[in-house]
Amino acid sequence: MVLWLVVVAIVLSASLILGLTLGPLKTAANIGVIRAFAFVQYAAAALLAGARLMGSA
């Protein structure tokens, strides 16, 4: 149960970061790095959810 809460928190964090890059941070010089960080968070959440569904976590 706690792992699902962690996955949800990671997804919400990544969504917030991605939303900020599409809004107020649109003109930031390092926008690619910020978006890459959000996509890494999405990948980590997917990996955790997959491990939980497979029974490894």
Protein backbone atom coordinates (compact mmCIF):
# COMPACT_ATOMS: atom_id res chain seq x y z
CA MET A 1 0.00 0.00 0.00
CA VAL A 2 2.79 2.41 0.86
CA LEU A 3 4.51 1.72 -2.46
CA TRP A 4 1.42 2.86 -4.33
CA LEU A 5 1.46 6.10 -2.36
CA VAL A 6 5.11 6.58 -3.34
CA VAL A 7 4.24 5.96 -6.99
CA VAL A 8 1.40 8.50 -6.82
CA ALA A 9 3.68 11.05 -5.14
CA ILE A 10 6.33 10.59 -7.84
CA VAL A 11 3.77 10.96 -10.63
CA LEU A 12 2.32 14.10 -9.05
CA SER A 13 5.78 15.58 -8.64
CA ALA A 14 6.68 14.85 -12.25
CA SER A 15 3.36 16.28 -13.43
CA LEU A 16 3.96 19.47 -11.46
CA ILE A 17 7.46 19.85 -12.92
CA LEU A 18 6.20 19.21 -16.45
CA GLY A 19 3.33 21.65 -15.92
CA LEU A 20 5.73 24.32 -14.75
CA THR A 21 7.88 23.84 -17.85
CA LEU A 22 4.85 24.38 -20.04
CA GLY A 23 3.87 27.51 -18.14
CA PRO A 24 6.01 29.84 -16.01
CA LEU A 25 9.33 28.13 -16.77
CA LYS A 26 8.76 28.04 -20.52
CA THR A 27 11.57 30.53 -21.14
CA ALA A 28 14.14 28.94 -18.83
CA ALA A 29 17.57 28.37 -20.35
CA ASN A 30 17.82 24.75 -19.16
CA ILE A 31 14.26 23.67 -20.02
CA GLY A 32 15.48 20.41 -21.55
CA VAL A 33 17.16 19.34 -18.33
CA ILE A 34 14.07 20.15 -16.28
CA ARG A 35 11.82 18.18 -18.62
CA ALA A 36 14.28 15.29 -18.64
CA PHE A 37 14.09 15.22 -14.86
CA ALA A 38 10.30 14.91 -15.08
CA PHE A 39 10.53 12.06 -17.57
CA VAL A 40 13.04 10.24 -15.36
CA GLN A 41 10.54 10.52 -12.53
CA TYR A 42 7.81 9.06 -14.75
CA ALA A 43 10.12 6.18 -15.66
CA ALA A 44 10.91 5.53 -11.99
CA ALA A 45 7.21 5.50 -11.13
CA ALA A 46 6.49 3.09 -13.97
CA LEU A 47 9.35 0.85 -12.86
CA LEU A 48 8.09 0.78 -9.27
CA ALA A 49 4.50 0.11 -10.36
CA GLY A 50 5.68 -2.65 -12.71
CA ALA A 51 7.75 -4.27 -9.97
CA ARG A 52 4.78 -4.15 -7.63
CA LEU A 53 2.45 -5.68 -10.21
CA MET A 54 4.97 -8.45 -10.95
CA GLY A 55 5.26 -9.21 -7.26
CA SER A 56 8.91 -8.22 -6.93
CA ALA A 57 8.27 -5.34 -4.56
